[in-house]
Amino acid sequence: MVSVTMHLRKIILSIIFIWLSGVGYLTWYNGLKNPGRYKGFNWEEWIWFGLVPVLVLTILYFIWKPESFKKLIQDFKSLF
């Protein structure tokens, strides 16, 4: 049972990392192709389309599975 939950955690963390990286790349690419003067990374787009969806889903997960939140706190405390 422990290995299944650890495997699931790794999958979820990988999906989150891929999502944030993909949205970051698309935001950067969109900034390069922007016809305006600024040719950089648009942080506000990355926050709204990358970070906010991840945080909302994580908060909803912890609301519906409070034992996972307790486990996260225990894991965090064990680091120190």
PDB file of N, CA and C in Angstrom:
ATOM      1  N   MET A   1       0.820  -1.197   0.000  1.00  0.00           N
ATOM      2  CA  MET A   1       0.000   0.000   0.000  1.00  0.00           C
ATOM      3  C   MET A   1       0.863   1.261   0.000  1.00  0.00           C
ATOM      4  N   VAL A   2       1.963   1.226   0.733  1.00  0.00           N
ATOM      5  CA  VAL A   2       2.829   2.399   0.817  1.00  0.00           C
ATOM      6  C   VAL A   2       3.454   2.696  -0.543  1.00  0.00           C
ATOM      7  N   SER A   3       3.874   1.681  -1.256  1.00  0.00           N
ATOM      8  CA  SER A   3       4.510   1.904  -2.548  1.00  0.00           C
ATOM      9  C   SER A   3       3.517   2.452  -3.575  1.00  0.00           C
ATOM     10  N   VAL A   4       2.254   2.063  -3.441  1.00  0.00           N
ATOM     11  CA  VAL A   4       1.237   2.563  -4.369  1.00  0.00           C
ATOM     12  C   VAL A   4       1.016   4.058  -4.138  1.00  0.00           C
ATOM     13  N   THR A   5       0.930   4.479  -2.878  1.00  0.00           N
ATOM     14  CA  THR A   5       0.720   5.898  -2.606  1.00  0.00           C
ATOM     15  C   THR A   5       1.948   6.721  -2.988  1.00  0.00           C
ATOM     16  N   MET A   6       3.134   6.162  -2.777  1.00  0.00           N
ATOM     17  CA  MET A   6       4.353   6.868  -3.173  1.00  0.00           C
ATOM     18  C   MET A   6       4.425   6.996  -4.685  1.00  0.00           C
ATOM     19  N   HIS A   7       4.029   5.938  -5.379  1.00  0.00           N
ATOM     20  CA  HIS A   7       4.013   5.965  -6.838  1.00  0.00           C
ATOM     21  C   HIS A   7       3.010   7.004  -7.337  1.00  0.00           C
ATOM     22  N   LEU A   8       1.860   7.081  -6.695  1.00  0.00           N
ATOM     23  CA  LEU A   8       0.842   8.065  -7.064  1.00  0.00           C
ATOM     24  C   LEU A   8       1.341   9.486  -6.818  1.00  0.00           C
ATOM     25  N   ARG A   9       2.030   9.698  -5.711  1.00  0.00           N
ATOM     26  CA  ARG A   9       2.598  11.020  -5.419  1.00  0.00           C
ATOM     27  C   ARG A   9       3.591  11.439  -6.489  1.00  0.00           C
ATOM     28  N   LYS A  10       4.445  10.502  -6.906  1.00  0.00           N
ATOM     29  CA  LYS A  10       5.428  10.815  -7.944  1.00  0.00           C
ATOM     30  C   LYS A  10       4.748  11.168  -9.259  1.00  0.00           C
ATOM     31  N   ILE A  11       3.678  10.468  -9.587  1.00  0.00           N
ATOM     32  CA  ILE A  11       2.941  10.759 -10.817  1.00  0.00           C
ATOM     33  C   ILE A  11       2.314  12.145 -10.748  1.00  0.00           C
ATOM     34  N   ILE A  12       1.675  12.468  -9.613  1.00  0.00           N
ATOM     35  CA  ILE A  12       1.026  13.769  -9.459  1.00  0.00           C
ATOM     36  C   ILE A  12       2.052  14.895  -9.494  1.00  0.00           C
ATOM     37  N   LEU A  13       3.171  14.739  -8.808  1.00  0.00           N
ATOM     38  CA  LEU A  13       4.214  15.769  -8.832  1.00  0.00           C
ATOM     39  C   LEU A  13       4.805  15.933 -10.224  1.00  0.00           C
ATOM     40  N   SER A  14       4.949  14.838 -10.952  1.00  0.00           N
ATOM     41  CA  SER A  14       5.450  14.921 -12.324  1.00  0.00           C
ATOM     42  C   SER A  14       4.472  15.674 -13.221  1.00  0.00           C
ATOM     43  N   ILE A  15       3.190  15.406 -13.070  1.00  0.00           N
ATOM     44  CA  ILE A  15       2.174  16.106 -13.869  1.00  0.00           C
ATOM     45  C   ILE A  15       2.187  17.597 -13.553  1.00  0.00           C
ATOM     46  N   ILE A  16       2.291  17.942 -12.271  1.00  0.00           N
ATOM     47  CA  ILE A  16       2.341  19.356 -11.887  1.00  0.00           C
ATOM     48  C   ILE A  16       3.566  20.035 -12.490  1.00  0.00           C
ATOM     49  N   PHE A  17       4.726  19.383 -12.415  1.00  0.00           N
ATOM     50  CA  PHE A  17       5.953  19.957 -12.959  1.00  0.00           C
ATOM     51  C   PHE A  17       5.862  20.123 -14.476  1.00  0.00           C
ATOM     52  N   ILE A  18       5.322  19.125 -15.159  1.00  0.00           N
ATOM     53  CA  ILE A  18       5.160  19.209 -16.616  1.00  0.00           C
ATOM     54  C   ILE A  18       4.188  20.333 -16.975  1.00  0.00           C
ATOM     55  N   TRP A  19       3.089  20.460 -16.228  1.00  0.00           N
ATOM     56  CA  TRP A  19       2.105  21.517 -16.490  1.00  0.00           C
ATOM     57  C   TRP A  19       2.743  22.897 -16.345  1.00  0.00           C
ATOM     58  N   LEU A  20       3.451  23.130 -15.221  1.00  0.00           N
ATOM     59  CA  LEU A  20       4.062  24.433 -14.988  1.00  0.00           C
ATOM     60  C   LEU A  20       5.142  24.734 -16.020  1.00  0.00           C
ATOM     61  N   SER A  21       5.923  23.727 -16.391  1.00  0.00           N
ATOM     62  CA  SER A  21       6.956  23.937 -17.405  1.00  0.00           C
ATOM     63  C   SER A  21       6.339  24.206 -18.776  1.00  0.00           C
ATOM     64  N   GLY A  22       5.303  23.466 -19.123  1.00  0.00           N
ATOM     65  CA  GLY A  22       4.645  23.663 -20.419  1.00  0.00           C
ATOM     66  C   GLY A  22       3.997  25.025 -20.531  1.00  0.00           C
ATOM     67  N   VAL A  23       3.291  25.439 -19.493  1.00  0.00           N
ATOM     68  CA  VAL A  23       2.665  26.766 -19.509  1.00  0.00           C
ATOM     69  C   VAL A  23       3.744  27.855 -19.522  1.00  0.00           C
ATOM     70  N   GLY A  24       4.831  27.632 -18.808  1.00  0.00           N
ATOM     71  CA  GLY A  24       5.933  28.596 -18.819  1.00  0.00           C
ATOM     72  C   GLY A  24       6.555  28.734 -20.198  1.00  0.00           C
ATOM     73  N   TYR A  25       6.762  27.601 -20.881  1.00  0.00           N
ATOM     74  CA  TYR A  25       7.313  27.649 -22.238  1.00  0.00           C
ATOM     75  C   TYR A  25       6.361  28.376 -23.183  1.00  0.00           C
ATOM     76  N   LEU A  26       5.067  28.053 -23.127  1.00  0.00           N
ATOM     77  CA  LEU A  26       4.107  28.710 -24.013  1.00  0.00           C
ATOM     78  C   LEU A  26       3.996  30.206 -23.719  1.00  0.00           C
ATOM     79  N   THR A  27       4.111  30.582 -22.462  1.00  0.00           N
ATOM     80  CA  THR A  27       4.088  31.995 -22.095  1.00  0.00           C
ATOM     81  C   THR A  27       5.312  32.710 -22.653  1.00  0.00           C
ATOM     82  N   TRP A  28       6.463  32.074 -22.543  1.00  0.00           N
ATOM     83  CA  TRP A  28       7.696  32.653 -23.078  1.00  0.00           C
ATOM     84  C   TRP A  28       7.617  32.778 -24.596  1.00  0.00           C
ATOM     85  N   TYR A  29       7.148  31.733 -25.268  1.00  0.00           N
ATOM     86  CA  TYR A  29       7.029  31.742 -26.719  1.00  0.00           C
ATOM     87  C   TYR A  29       6.027  32.807 -27.171  1.00  0.00           C
ATOM     88  N   ASN A  30       4.923  32.929 -26.463  1.00  0.00           N
ATOM     89  CA  ASN A  30       3.933  33.950 -26.772  1.00  0.00           C
ATOM     90  C   ASN A  30       4.526  35.352 -26.585  1.00  0.00           C
ATOM     91  N   GLY A  31       5.369  35.523 -25.594  1.00  0.00           N
ATOM     92  CA  GLY A  31       6.022  36.811 -25.379  1.00  0.00           C
ATOM     93  C   GLY A  31       6.979  37.159 -26.506  1.00  0.00           C
ATOM     94  N   LEU A  32       7.669  36.154 -27.056  1.00  0.00           N
ATOM     95  CA  LEU A  32       8.574  36.409 -28.170  1.00  0.00           C
ATOM     96  C   LEU A  32       7.819  36.801 -29.437  1.00  0.00           C
ATOM     97  N   LYS A  33       6.663  36.204 -29.647  1.00  0.00           N
ATOM     98  CA  LYS A  33       5.877  36.454 -30.855  1.00  0.00           C
ATOM     99  C   LYS A  33       4.952  37.666 -30.724  1.00  0.00           C
ATOM    100  N   ASN A  34       4.943  38.303 -29.555  1.00  0.00           N
ATOM    101  CA  ASN A  34       4.088  39.457 -29.315  1.00  0.00           C
ATOM    102  C   ASN A  34       4.529  40.622 -30.204  1.00  0.00           C
ATOM    103  N   PRO A  35       3.594  41.289 -30.894  1.00  0.00           N
ATOM    104  CA  PRO A  35       3.991  42.382 -31.775  1.00  0.00           C
ATOM    105  C   PRO A  35       4.410  43.662 -31.039  1.00  0.00           C
ATOM    106  N   GLY A  36       4.226  43.720 -29.735  1.00  0.00           N
ATOM    107  CA  GLY A  36       4.586  44.912 -28.967  1.00  0.00           C
ATOM    108  C   GLY A  36       6.093  45.053 -28.787  1.00  0.00           C
ATOM    109  N   ARG A  37       6.478  46.053 -28.007  1.00  0.00           N
ATOM    110  CA  ARG A  37       7.907  46.318 -27.779  1.00  0.00           C
ATOM    111  C   ARG A  37       8.525  45.322 -26.810  1.00  0.00           C
ATOM    112  N   TYR A  38       7.758  44.868 -25.806  1.00  0.00           N
ATOM    113  CA  TYR A  38       8.312  43.978 -24.778  1.00  0.00           C
ATOM    114  C   TYR A  38       8.387  42.553 -25.304  1.00  0.00           C
ATOM    115  N   LYS A  39       9.576  42.013 -25.347  1.00  0.00           N
ATOM    116  CA  LYS A  39       9.793  40.648 -25.840  1.00  0.00           C
ATOM    117  C   LYS A  39      10.319  39.761 -24.713  1.00  0.00           C
ATOM    118  N   GLY A  40       9.591  39.680 -23.639  1.00  0.00           N
ATOM    119  CA  GLY A  40      10.061  38.913 -22.498  1.00  0.00           C
ATOM    120  C   GLY A  40       9.012  37.961 -21.971  1.00  0.00           C
ATOM    121  N   PHE A  41       9.244  37.497 -20.768  1.00  0.00           N
ATOM    122  CA  PHE A  41       8.369  36.532 -20.117  1.00  0.00           C
ATOM    123  C   PHE A  41       7.243  37.279 -19.417  1.00  0.00           C
ATOM    124  N   ASN A  42       6.011  36.922 -19.728  1.00  0.00           N
ATOM    125  CA  ASN A  42       4.839  37.563 -19.124  1.00  0.00           C
ATOM    126  C   ASN A  42       4.450  36.805 -17.846  1.00  0.00           C
ATOM    127  N   TRP A  43       4.899  37.326 -16.723  1.00  0.00           N
ATOM    128  CA  TRP A  43       4.665  36.652 -15.452  1.00  0.00           C
ATOM    129  C   TRP A  43       3.190  36.537 -15.107  1.00  0.00           C
ATOM    130  N   GLU A  44       2.393  37.560 -15.442  1.00  0.00           N
ATOM    131  CA  GLU A  44       0.978  37.526 -15.085  1.00  0.00           C
ATOM    132  C   GLU A  44       0.250  36.397 -15.820  1.00  0.00           C
ATOM    133  N   GLU A  45       0.640  36.109 -17.052  1.00  0.00           N
ATOM    134  CA  GLU A  45       0.023  34.983 -17.761  1.00  0.00           C
ATOM    135  C   GLU A  45       0.415  33.656 -17.118  1.00  0.00           C
ATOM    136  N   TRP A  46       1.681  33.533 -16.726  1.00  0.00           N
ATOM    137  CA  TRP A  46       2.136  32.284 -16.128  1.00  0.00           C
ATOM    138  C   TRP A  46       1.452  32.046 -14.788  1.00  0.00           C
ATOM    139  N   ILE A  47       1.270  33.118 -14.018  1.00  0.00           N
ATOM    140  CA  ILE A  47       0.607  32.973 -12.719  1.00  0.00           C
ATOM    141  C   ILE A  47      -0.839  32.537 -12.906  1.00  0.00           C
ATOM    142  N   TRP A  48      -1.572  33.207 -13.830  1.00  0.00           N
ATOM    143  CA  TRP A  48      -2.993  32.907 -14.004  1.00  0.00           C
ATOM    144  C   TRP A  48      -3.248  31.582 -14.702  1.00  0.00           C
ATOM    145  N   PHE A  49      -2.430  31.212 -15.671  1.00  0.00           N
ATOM    146  CA  PHE A  49      -2.682  29.992 -16.428  1.00  0.00           C
ATOM    147  C   PHE A  49      -1.842  28.801 -15.967  1.00  0.00           C
ATOM    148  N   GLY A  50      -0.826  29.030 -15.159  1.00  0.00           N
ATOM    149  CA  GLY A  50       0.019  27.949 -14.686  1.00  0.00           C
ATOM    150  C   GLY A  50      -0.118  27.672 -13.207  1.00  0.00           C
ATOM    151  N   LEU A  51       0.118  28.690 -12.414  1.00  0.00           N
ATOM    152  CA  LEU A  51       0.166  28.508 -10.964  1.00  0.00           C
ATOM    153  C   LEU A  51      -1.212  28.415 -10.316  1.00  0.00           C
ATOM    154  N   VAL A  52      -2.137  29.254 -10.727  1.00  0.00           N
ATOM    155  CA  VAL A  52      -3.474  29.263 -10.112  1.00  0.00           C
ATOM    156  C   VAL A  52      -4.203  27.921 -10.302  1.00  0.00           C
ATOM    157  N   PRO A  53      -4.230  27.335 -11.518  1.00  0.00           N
ATOM    158  CA  PRO A  53      -4.900  26.028 -11.636  1.00  0.00           C
ATOM    159  C   PRO A  53      -4.280  24.937 -10.761  1.00  0.00           C
ATOM    160  N   VAL A  54      -2.952  24.936 -10.641  1.00  0.00           N
ATOM    161  CA  VAL A  54      -2.293  23.942  -9.794  1.00  0.00           C
ATOM    162  C   VAL A  54      -2.668  24.147  -8.328  1.00  0.00           C
ATOM    163  N   LEU A  55      -2.664  25.384  -7.875  1.00  0.00           N
ATOM    164  CA  LEU A  55      -3.008  25.655  -6.481  1.00  0.00           C
ATOM    165  C   LEU A  55      -4.466  25.328  -6.178  1.00  0.00           C
ATOM    166  N   VAL A  56      -5.363  25.651  -7.095  1.00  0.00           N
ATOM    167  CA  VAL A  56      -6.783  25.355  -6.876  1.00  0.00           C
ATOM    168  C   VAL A  56      -7.006  23.849  -6.773  1.00  0.00           C
ATOM    169  N   LEU A  57      -6.411  23.091  -7.678  1.00  0.00           N
ATOM    170  CA  LEU A  57      -6.573  21.629  -7.630  1.00  0.00           C
ATOM    171  C   LEU A  57      -5.945  21.034  -6.374  1.00  0.00           C
ATOM    172  N   THR A  58      -4.812  21.565  -5.954  1.00  0.00           N
ATOM    173  CA  THR A  58      -4.169  21.070  -4.736  1.00  0.00           C
ATOM    174  C   THR A  58      -5.023  21.375  -3.507  1.00  0.00           C
ATOM    175  N   ILE A  59      -5.573  22.568  -3.433  1.00  0.00           N
ATOM    176  CA  ILE A  59      -6.433  22.934  -2.301  1.00  0.00           C
ATOM    177  C   ILE A  59      -7.688  22.068  -2.273  1.00  0.00           C
ATOM    178  N   LEU A  60      -8.294  21.854  -3.441  1.00  0.00           N
ATOM    179  CA  LEU A  60      -9.475  20.986  -3.493  1.00  0.00           C
ATOM    180  C   LEU A  60      -9.139  19.555  -3.073  1.00  0.00           C
ATOM    181  N   TYR A  61      -7.965  19.069  -3.473  1.00  0.00           N
ATOM    182  CA  TYR A  61      -7.550  17.727  -3.077  1.00  0.00           C
ATOM    183  C   TYR A  61      -7.412  17.633  -1.558  1.00  0.00           C
ATOM    184  N   PHE A  62      -6.807  18.652  -0.941  1.00  0.00           N
ATOM    185  CA  PHE A  62      -6.636  18.626   0.513  1.00  0.00           C
ATOM    186  C   PHE A  62      -7.957  18.800   1.249  1.00  0.00           C
ATOM    187  N   ILE A  63      -8.923  19.479   0.638  1.00  0.00           N
ATOM    188  CA  ILE A  63     -10.245  19.588   1.258  1.00  0.00           C
ATOM    189  C   ILE A  63     -10.940  18.233   1.277  1.00  0.00           C
ATOM    190  N   TRP A  64     -10.842  17.505   0.164  1.00  0.00           N
ATOM    191  CA  TRP A  64     -11.535  16.222   0.059  1.00  0.00           C
ATOM    192  C   TRP A  64     -10.754  15.073   0.681  1.00  0.00           C
ATOM    193  N   LYS A  65      -9.452  15.225   0.856  1.00  0.00           N
ATOM    194  CA  LYS A  65      -8.615  14.181   1.478  1.00  0.00           C
ATOM    195  C   LYS A  65      -7.770  14.816   2.582  1.00  0.00           C
ATOM    196  N   PRO A  66      -8.369  15.140   3.742  1.00  0.00           N
ATOM    197  CA  PRO A  66      -7.600  15.816   4.800  1.00  0.00           C
ATOM    198  C   PRO A  66      -6.468  14.956   5.374  1.00  0.00           C
ATOM    199  N   GLU A  67      -6.574  13.646   5.276  1.00  0.00           N
ATOM    200  CA  GLU A  67      -5.485  12.800   5.781  1.00  0.00           C
ATOM    201  C   GLU A  67      -4.220  12.980   4.946  1.00  0.00           C
ATOM    202  N   SER A  68      -4.369  13.331   3.691  1.00  0.00           N
ATOM    203  CA  SER A  68      -3.204  13.610   2.849  1.00  0.00           C
ATOM    204  C   SER A  68      -2.499  14.883   3.305  1.00  0.00           C
ATOM    205  N   PHE A  69      -3.270  15.863   3.746  1.00  0.00           N
ATOM    206  CA  PHE A  69      -2.675  17.097   4.249  1.00  0.00           C
ATOM    207  C   PHE A  69      -1.900  16.831   5.534  1.00  0.00           C
ATOM    208  N   LYS A  70      -2.448  15.998   6.403  1.00  0.00           N
ATOM    209  CA  LYS A  70      -1.744  15.630   7.632  1.00  0.00           C
ATOM    210  C   LYS A  70      -0.441  14.910   7.307  1.00  0.00           C
ATOM    211  N   LYS A  71      -0.491  14.036   6.313  1.00  0.00           N
ATOM    212  CA  LYS A  71       0.709  13.303   5.899  1.00  0.00           C
ATOM    213  C   LYS A  71       1.742  14.258   5.304  1.00  0.00           C
ATOM    214  N   LEU A  72       1.300  15.245   4.554  1.00  0.00           N
ATOM    215  CA  LEU A  72       2.210  16.235   3.986  1.00  0.00           C
ATOM    216  C   LEU A  72       2.913  17.019   5.088  1.00  0.00           C
ATOM    217  N   ILE A  73       2.159  17.423   6.108  1.00  0.00           N
ATOM    218  CA  ILE A  73       2.752  18.168   7.228  1.00  0.00           C
ATOM    219  C   ILE A  73       3.766  17.288   7.967  1.00  0.00           C
ATOM    220  N   GLN A  74       3.439  16.025   8.174  1.00  0.00           N
ATOM    221  CA  GLN A  74       4.363  15.116   8.835  1.00  0.00           C
ATOM    222  C   GLN A  74       5.641  14.924   8.007  1.00  0.00           C
ATOM    223  N   ASP A  75       5.489  14.779   6.710  1.00  0.00           N
ATOM    224  CA  ASP A  75       6.649  14.634   5.839  1.00  0.00           C
ATOM    225  C   ASP A  75       7.524  15.907   5.868  1.00  0.00           C
ATOM    226  N   PHE A  76       6.865  17.055   5.888  1.00  0.00           N
ATOM    227  CA  PHE A  76       7.589  18.315   5.927  1.00  0.00           C
ATOM    228  C   PHE A  76       8.354  18.464   7.246  1.00  0.00           C
ATOM    229  N   LYS A  77       7.714  18.088   8.359  1.00  0.00           N
ATOM    230  CA  LYS A  77       8.370  18.168   9.665  1.00  0.00           C
ATOM    231  C   LYS A  77       9.526  17.200   9.764  1.00  0.00           C
ATOM    232  N   SER A  78       9.430  16.058   9.091  1.00  0.00           N
ATOM    233  CA  SER A  78      10.507  15.078   9.154  1.00  0.00           C
ATOM    234  C   SER A  78      11.760  15.545   8.413  1.00  0.00           C
ATOM    235  N   LEU A  79      11.621  16.546   7.544  1.00  0.00           N
ATOM    236  CA  LEU A  79      12.789  17.084   6.846  1.00  0.00           C
ATOM    237  C   LEU A  79      13.688  17.856   7.811  1.00  0.00           C
ATOM    238  N   PHE A  80      13.088  18.432   8.856  1.00  0.00           N
ATOM    239  CA  PHE A  80      13.854  19.232   9.808  1.00  0.00           C
ATOM    240  C   PHE A  80      14.013  18.456  11.045  1.00  0.00           C
TER     241      PHE A  80
END
